[in-house]
Amino acid sequence: MELDELKKSWNVVDTQLDKKVLVDEQEITKLISSGKADTQKHLGRLNLVQRLSLCVGGGLLLLLILAWIWVPELIGAKEDILRRGIILLAFLVTSLIVGLLWDWKTLRYLKSIRIDEMSIVEVSRRMNTFRSRMRNEVIAVCIWAVVFNALYYWTMGYYQAPPATQAWIITLLLAADILIIYILYKKVMYKYINGIRKNIEELKDICTE
């Protein structure tokens, strides 16, 4: 009698353990699926940002090319002003071409990251590479902003203005650059990158448990 009761007790325990293991596996599968979906969402938004950058850059490039064609007619002023305007346009056109090529390569790189087909380690490695690309991009944009401000300052002839006016103009240009770079990268790009990084770390923890 005691043996039968003991067997029944063990059977109950085994059943409870089997149910617990099943529940745990379902919870883990659910967490992994949720983490991958959230990572894919952030990756999709990064792709969207790059596409928007390409569209905006392409539109600006077209406008600048048209301005380059029409600038001699629009500026019927001194030859010195015309020359400085053309130099500024050349700088902007060159910058946009380089920027569009960079954004195109970045978009292709992002599209090559396939959450459902790659291991977590591979996705993590590629996102670390992408994060390094973004760090280099931020540095390049900061250098570009300084060069553009100096060239714009010279083109518009602000160096001939009174010192107080010059200081005010320089302050406005720097404030605009800092605000744009901060919003574009800190509040947009790195927001999604950090979201992906957090998801990857959580997935790594789940898979190693």
C-alpha atoms as a PDB file:
ATOM      1  CA  MET A   1       0.000   0.000   0.000  1.00  0.00           C
ATOM      2  CA  GLU A   2       2.718   2.402   0.936  1.00  0.00           C
ATOM      3  CA  LEU A   3       4.606   1.531  -2.252  1.00  0.00           C
ATOM      4  CA  ASP A   4       1.566   2.327  -4.406  1.00  0.00           C
ATOM      5  CA  GLU A   5       1.074   5.658  -2.658  1.00  0.00           C
ATOM      6  CA  LEU A   6       4.779   6.460  -3.131  1.00  0.00           C
ATOM      7  CA  LYS A   7       4.535   5.679  -6.843  1.00  0.00           C
ATOM      8  CA  LYS A   8       1.481   7.921  -7.149  1.00  0.00           C
ATOM      9  CA  SER A   9       3.325  10.725  -5.374  1.00  0.00           C
ATOM     10  CA  TRP A  10       6.283  10.401  -7.725  1.00  0.00           C
ATOM     11  CA  ASN A  11       3.972  10.395 -10.735  1.00  0.00           C
ATOM     12  CA  VAL A  12       2.342  13.606  -9.518  1.00  0.00           C
ATOM     13  CA  VAL A  13       5.749  15.214  -9.013  1.00  0.00           C
ATOM     14  CA  ASP A  14       6.923  14.099 -12.468  1.00  0.00           C
ATOM     15  CA  THR A  15       3.779  15.512 -14.060  1.00  0.00           C
ATOM     16  CA  GLN A  16       4.245  18.838 -12.295  1.00  0.00           C
ATOM     17  CA  LEU A  17       7.890  18.993 -13.347  1.00  0.00           C
ATOM     18  CA  ASP A  18       6.990  18.200 -16.963  1.00  0.00           C
ATOM     19  CA  LYS A  19       4.390  20.980 -16.939  1.00  0.00           C
ATOM     20  CA  LYS A  20       6.868  23.415 -15.411  1.00  0.00           C
ATOM     21  CA  VAL A  21       9.520  22.583 -18.023  1.00  0.00           C
ATOM     22  CA  LEU A  22       6.934  23.024 -20.783  1.00  0.00           C
ATOM     23  CA  VAL A  23       5.835  26.382 -19.395  1.00  0.00           C
ATOM     24  CA  ASP A  24       9.454  27.524 -19.079  1.00  0.00           C
ATOM     25  CA  GLU A  25      10.183  26.553 -22.679  1.00  0.00           C
ATOM     26  CA  GLN A  26       7.094  28.398 -23.872  1.00  0.00           C
ATOM     27  CA  GLU A  27       8.066  31.488 -21.876  1.00  0.00           C
ATOM     28  CA  ILE A  28      11.613  31.392 -23.272  1.00  0.00           C
ATOM     29  CA  THR A  29      10.315  30.968 -26.824  1.00  0.00           C
ATOM     30  CA  LYS A  30       7.909  33.858 -26.272  1.00  0.00           C
ATOM     31  CA  LEU A  31      10.677  36.101 -24.905  1.00  0.00           C
ATOM     32  CA  ILE A  32      13.014  35.268 -27.786  1.00  0.00           C
ATOM     33  CA  SER A  33      10.259  35.914 -30.330  1.00  0.00           C
ATOM     34  CA  SER A  34       9.380  39.224 -28.661  1.00  0.00           C
ATOM     35  CA  GLY A  35      13.048  40.310 -28.528  1.00  0.00           C
ATOM     36  CA  LYS A  36      13.594  39.490 -32.198  1.00  0.00           C
ATOM     37  CA  ALA A  37      10.411  41.331 -33.211  1.00  0.00           C
ATOM     38  CA  ASP A  38      11.445  44.445 -31.264  1.00  0.00           C
ATOM     39  CA  THR A  39      14.945  44.281 -32.745  1.00  0.00           C
ATOM     40  CA  GLN A  40      13.474  43.980 -36.237  1.00  0.00           C
ATOM     41  CA  LYS A  41      11.263  47.003 -35.545  1.00  0.00           C
ATOM     42  CA  HIS A  42      14.238  49.153 -34.526  1.00  0.00           C
ATOM     43  CA  LEU A  43      16.205  47.901 -37.521  1.00  0.00           C
ATOM     44  CA  GLY A  44      13.313  48.805 -39.800  1.00  0.00           C
ATOM     45  CA  ARG A  45      13.263  52.341 -38.417  1.00  0.00           C
ATOM     46  CA  LEU A  46      16.996  52.688 -39.040  1.00  0.00           C
ATOM     47  CA  ASN A  47      16.363  51.580 -42.625  1.00  0.00           C
ATOM     48  CA  LEU A  48      13.593  54.173 -42.918  1.00  0.00           C
ATOM     49  CA  VAL A  49      15.892  56.931 -41.641  1.00  0.00           C
ATOM     50  CA  GLN A  50      18.517  55.991 -44.233  1.00  0.00           C
ATOM     51  CA  ARG A  51      15.925  55.987 -47.027  1.00  0.00           C
ATOM     52  CA  LEU A  52      14.651  59.400 -45.950  1.00  0.00           C
ATOM     53  CA  SER A  53      18.247  60.664 -45.866  1.00  0.00           C
ATOM     54  CA  LEU A  54      18.777  59.413 -49.421  1.00  0.00           C
ATOM     55  CA  CYS A  55      15.548  61.048 -50.645  1.00  0.00           C
ATOM     56  CA  VAL A  56      16.273  64.379 -48.951  1.00  0.00           C
ATOM     57  CA  GLY A  57      19.906  64.305 -50.088  1.00  0.00           C
ATOM     58  CA  GLY A  58      18.903  63.517 -53.663  1.00  0.00           C
ATOM     59  CA  GLY A  59      16.377  66.373 -53.688  1.00  0.00           C
ATOM     60  CA  LEU A  60      18.897  68.848 -52.296  1.00  0.00           C
ATOM     61  CA  LEU A  61      21.500  67.709 -54.822  1.00  0.00           C
ATOM     62  CA  LEU A  62      19.064  68.368 -57.665  1.00  0.00           C
ATOM     63  CA  LEU A  63      18.266  71.835 -56.291  1.00  0.00           C
ATOM     64  CA  LEU A  64      21.953  72.692 -55.921  1.00  0.00           C
ATOM     65  CA  ILE A  65      22.712  71.572 -59.463  1.00  0.00           C
ATOM     66  CA  LEU A  66      19.904  73.809 -60.725  1.00  0.00           C
ATOM     67  CA  ALA A  67      21.236  76.640 -58.561  1.00  0.00           C
ATOM     68  CA  TRP A  68      24.704  76.062 -60.019  1.00  0.00           C
ATOM     69  CA  ILE A  69      23.242  76.471 -63.527  1.00  0.00           C
ATOM     70  CA  TRP A  70      21.224  79.559 -62.662  1.00  0.00           C
ATOM     71  CA  VAL A  71      23.575  81.270 -60.190  1.00  0.00           C
ATOM     72  CA  PRO A  72      25.372  83.399 -62.815  1.00  0.00           C
ATOM     73  CA  GLU A  73      22.007  84.804 -63.906  1.00  0.00           C
ATOM     74  CA  LEU A  74      20.632  85.199 -60.383  1.00  0.00           C
ATOM     75  CA  ILE A  75      23.718  87.049 -59.126  1.00  0.00           C
ATOM     76  CA  GLY A  76      24.278  89.930 -61.442  1.00  0.00           C
ATOM     77  CA  ALA A  77      26.697  91.437 -58.961  1.00  0.00           C
ATOM     78  CA  LYS A  78      30.423  91.529 -58.437  1.00  0.00           C
ATOM     79  CA  GLU A  79      32.616  88.768 -59.797  1.00  0.00           C
ATOM     80  CA  ASP A  80      34.040  88.162 -56.306  1.00  0.00           C
ATOM     81  CA  ILE A  81      30.586  87.371 -54.872  1.00  0.00           C
ATOM     82  CA  LEU A  82      29.831  85.092 -57.822  1.00  0.00           C
ATOM     83  CA  ARG A  83      33.117  83.234 -57.341  1.00  0.00           C
ATOM     84  CA  ARG A  84      32.500  82.701 -53.624  1.00  0.00           C
ATOM     85  CA  GLY A  85      28.954  81.519 -54.298  1.00  0.00           C
ATOM     86  CA  ILE A  86      30.173  78.962 -56.828  1.00  0.00           C
ATOM     87  CA  ILE A  87      32.823  77.692 -54.391  1.00  0.00           C
ATOM     88  CA  LEU A  88      30.159  77.213 -51.715  1.00  0.00           C
ATOM     89  CA  LEU A  89      27.892  75.398 -54.168  1.00  0.00           C
ATOM     90  CA  ALA A  90      30.756  73.156 -55.285  1.00  0.00           C
ATOM     91  CA  PHE A  91      31.478  72.263 -51.669  1.00  0.00           C
ATOM     92  CA  LEU A  92      27.824  71.439 -50.983  1.00  0.00           C
ATOM     93  CA  VAL A  93      27.404  69.397 -54.174  1.00  0.00           C
ATOM     94  CA  THR A  94      30.546  67.384 -53.417  1.00  0.00           C
ATOM     95  CA  SER A  95      29.414  66.866 -49.819  1.00  0.00           C
ATOM     96  CA  LEU A  96      25.989  65.625 -50.912  1.00  0.00           C
ATOM     97  CA  ILE A  97      27.448  63.185 -53.438  1.00  0.00           C
ATOM     98  CA  VAL A  98      29.789  61.735 -50.804  1.00  0.00           C
ATOM     99  CA  GLY A  99      26.950  61.665 -48.259  1.00  0.00           C
ATOM    100  CA  LEU A 100      24.598  59.882 -50.650  1.00  0.00           C
ATOM    101  CA  LEU A 101      27.207  57.224 -51.415  1.00  0.00           C
ATOM    102  CA  TRP A 102      27.815  56.739 -47.688  1.00  0.00           C
ATOM    103  CA  ASP A 103      24.090  56.491 -46.930  1.00  0.00           C
ATOM    104  CA  TRP A 104      23.599  54.004 -49.767  1.00  0.00           C
ATOM    105  CA  LYS A 105      26.354  51.766 -48.409  1.00  0.00           C
ATOM    106  CA  THR A 106      24.904  52.098 -44.905  1.00  0.00           C
ATOM    107  CA  LEU A 107      21.431  51.141 -46.136  1.00  0.00           C
ATOM    108  CA  ARG A 108      22.805  48.097 -47.938  1.00  0.00           C
ATOM    109  CA  TYR A 109      24.664  47.078 -44.782  1.00  0.00           C
ATOM    110  CA  LEU A 110      21.515  47.397 -42.665  1.00  0.00           C
ATOM    111  CA  LYS A 111      19.486  45.378 -45.167  1.00  0.00           C
ATOM    112  CA  SER A 112      22.087  42.604 -44.983  1.00  0.00           C
ATOM    113  CA  ILE A 113      21.311  42.117 -41.278  1.00  0.00           C
ATOM    114  CA  ARG A 114      18.598  39.452 -41.134  1.00  0.00           C
ATOM    115  CA  ILE A 115      17.357  38.837 -37.622  1.00  0.00           C
ATOM    116  CA  ASP A 116      15.501  35.599 -38.390  1.00  0.00           C
ATOM    117  CA  GLU A 117      18.305  34.020 -40.428  1.00  0.00           C
ATOM    118  CA  MET A 118      21.364  34.950 -38.355  1.00  0.00           C
ATOM    119  CA  SER A 119      22.557  33.886 -34.946  1.00  0.00           C
ATOM    120  CA  ILE A 120      22.403  36.360 -32.077  1.00  0.00           C
ATOM    121  CA  VAL A 121      26.206  36.485 -32.019  1.00  0.00           C
ATOM    122  CA  GLU A 122      26.352  37.399 -35.723  1.00  0.00           C
ATOM    123  CA  VAL A 123      23.672  40.087 -35.359  1.00  0.00           C
ATOM    124  CA  SER A 124      25.569  41.477 -32.362  1.00  0.00           C
ATOM    125  CA  ARG A 125      28.832  41.567 -34.336  1.00  0.00           C
ATOM    126  CA  ARG A 126      27.224  43.357 -37.261  1.00  0.00           C
ATOM    127  CA  MET A 127      25.507  45.891 -35.033  1.00  0.00           C
ATOM    128  CA  ASN A 128      28.816  46.630 -33.306  1.00  0.00           C
ATOM    129  CA  THR A 129      30.291  47.296 -36.750  1.00  0.00           C
ATOM    130  CA  PHE A 130      27.344  49.530 -37.588  1.00  0.00           C
ATOM    131  CA  ARG A 131      27.771  51.396 -34.309  1.00  0.00           C
ATOM    132  CA  SER A 132      31.415  52.048 -35.234  1.00  0.00           C
ATOM    133  CA  ARG A 133      30.256  53.352 -38.629  1.00  0.00           C
ATOM    134  CA  MET A 134      27.886  55.735 -36.885  1.00  0.00           C
ATOM    135  CA  ARG A 135      30.649  56.952 -34.580  1.00  0.00           C
ATOM    136  CA  ASN A 136      32.842  57.690 -37.610  1.00  0.00           C
ATOM    137  CA  GLU A 137      29.890  59.366 -39.304  1.00  0.00           C
ATOM    138  CA  VAL A 138      29.285  61.654 -36.316  1.00  0.00           C
ATOM    139  CA  ILE A 139      32.969  62.662 -36.296  1.00  0.00           C
ATOM    140  CA  ALA A 140      32.877  63.318 -40.057  1.00  0.00           C
ATOM    141  CA  VAL A 141      29.673  65.367 -39.760  1.00  0.00           C
ATOM    142  CA  CYS A 142      31.162  67.481 -36.949  1.00  0.00           C
ATOM    143  CA  ILE A 143      34.261  68.221 -39.054  1.00  0.00           C
ATOM    144  CA  TRP A 144      32.049  68.962 -42.063  1.00  0.00           C
ATOM    145  CA  ALA A 145      29.936  71.376 -40.001  1.00  0.00           C
ATOM    146  CA  VAL A 146      33.021  73.339 -38.926  1.00  0.00           C
ATOM    147  CA  VAL A 147      34.283  73.564 -42.523  1.00  0.00           C
ATOM    148  CA  PHE A 148      30.839  74.530 -43.836  1.00  0.00           C
ATOM    149  CA  ASN A 149      30.393  77.230 -41.204  1.00  0.00           C
ATOM    150  CA  ALA A 150      33.780  78.727 -42.048  1.00  0.00           C
ATOM    151  CA  LEU A 151      33.078  78.609 -45.791  1.00  0.00           C
ATOM    152  CA  TYR A 152      29.555  80.031 -45.388  1.00  0.00           C
ATOM    153  CA  TYR A 153      30.914  82.748 -43.097  1.00  0.00           C
ATOM    154  CA  TRP A 154      33.478  83.708 -45.733  1.00  0.00           C
ATOM    155  CA  THR A 155      31.044  83.466 -48.664  1.00  0.00           C
ATOM    156  CA  MET A 156      28.494  85.752 -47.049  1.00  0.00           C
ATOM    157  CA  GLY A 157      31.180  88.280 -46.121  1.00  0.00           C
ATOM    158  CA  TYR A 158      30.392  88.195 -42.415  1.00  0.00           C
ATOM    159  CA  TYR A 159      34.089  88.711 -41.610  1.00  0.00           C
ATOM    160  CA  GLN A 160      33.574  92.342 -42.612  1.00  0.00           C
ATOM    161  CA  ALA A 161      30.800  92.854 -40.061  1.00  0.00           C
ATOM    162  CA  PRO A 162      31.351  94.471 -36.618  1.00  0.00           C
ATOM    163  CA  PRO A 163      32.870  92.133 -33.964  1.00  0.00           C
ATOM    164  CA  ALA A 164      29.621  91.934 -31.991  1.00  0.00           C
ATOM    165  CA  THR A 165      27.691  90.881 -35.109  1.00  0.00           C
ATOM    166  CA  GLN A 166      30.353  88.327 -35.993  1.00  0.00           C
ATOM    167  CA  ALA A 167      30.193  86.809 -32.510  1.00  0.00           C
ATOM    168  CA  TRP A 168      26.399  86.582 -32.725  1.00  0.00           C
ATOM    169  CA  ILE A 169      26.496  84.930 -36.154  1.00  0.00           C
ATOM    170  CA  ILE A 170      29.149  82.401 -35.086  1.00  0.00           C
ATOM    171  CA  THR A 171      27.119  81.544 -31.966  1.00  0.00           C
ATOM    172  CA  LEU A 172      23.966  80.970 -34.036  1.00  0.00           C
ATOM    173  CA  LEU A 173      25.793  78.768 -36.554  1.00  0.00           C
ATOM    174  CA  LEU A 174      27.378  76.625 -33.830  1.00  0.00           C
ATOM    175  CA  ALA A 175      24.101  76.333 -31.906  1.00  0.00           C
ATOM    176  CA  ALA A 176      22.287  75.225 -35.071  1.00  0.00           C
ATOM    177  CA  ASP A 177      24.963  72.600 -35.814  1.00  0.00           C
ATOM    178  CA  ILE A 178      24.931  71.210 -32.279  1.00  0.00           C
ATOM    179  CA  LEU A 179      21.120  71.053 -32.190  1.00  0.00           C
ATOM    180  CA  ILE A 180      20.838  69.300 -35.566  1.00  0.00           C
ATOM    181  CA  ILE A 181      23.582  66.765 -34.802  1.00  0.00           C
ATOM    182  CA  TYR A 182      22.164  66.091 -31.320  1.00  0.00           C
ATOM    183  CA  ILE A 183      18.622  65.496 -32.579  1.00  0.00           C
ATOM    184  CA  LEU A 184      19.656  63.442 -35.624  1.00  0.00           C
ATOM    185  CA  TYR A 185      22.065  61.113 -33.861  1.00  0.00           C
ATOM    186  CA  LYS A 186      21.344  61.150 -30.132  1.00  0.00           C
ATOM    187  CA  LYS A 187      17.552  61.264 -30.363  1.00  0.00           C
ATOM    188  CA  VAL A 188      17.085  59.252 -33.571  1.00  0.00           C
ATOM    189  CA  MET A 189      19.936  57.021 -34.725  1.00  0.00           C
ATOM    190  CA  TYR A 190      21.414  56.068 -31.353  1.00  0.00           C
ATOM    191  CA  LYS A 191      17.965  55.663 -29.855  1.00  0.00           C
ATOM    192  CA  TYR A 192      17.282  52.770 -32.231  1.00  0.00           C
ATOM    193  CA  ILE A 193      20.854  51.435 -32.041  1.00  0.00           C
ATOM    194  CA  ASN A 194      20.708  51.322 -28.236  1.00  0.00           C
ATOM    195  CA  GLY A 195      17.304  49.629 -28.409  1.00  0.00           C
ATOM    196  CA  ILE A 196      18.747  46.908 -30.638  1.00  0.00           C
ATOM    197  CA  ARG A 197      21.781  46.538 -28.385  1.00  0.00           C
ATOM    198  CA  LYS A 198      19.563  46.110 -25.320  1.00  0.00           C
ATOM    199  CA  ASN A 199      17.473  43.451 -27.062  1.00  0.00           C
ATOM    200  CA  ILE A 200      20.560  41.555 -28.190  1.00  0.00           C
ATOM    201  CA  GLU A 201      21.988  41.512 -24.664  1.00  0.00           C
ATOM    202  CA  GLU A 202      18.685  40.222 -23.288  1.00  0.00           C
ATOM    203  CA  LEU A 203      18.523  37.521 -25.971  1.00  0.00           C
ATOM    204  CA  LYS A 204      22.071  36.479 -25.157  1.00  0.00           C
ATOM    205  CA  ASP A 205      21.131  36.141 -21.481  1.00  0.00           C
ATOM    206  CA  ILE A 206      18.034  34.080 -22.303  1.00  0.00           C
ATOM    207  CA  CYS A 207      19.889  31.731 -24.642  1.00  0.00           C
ATOM    208  CA  THR A 208      22.700  31.106 -22.141  1.00  0.00           C
ATOM    209  CA  GLU A 209      20.398  30.322 -19.235  1.00  0.00           C
END
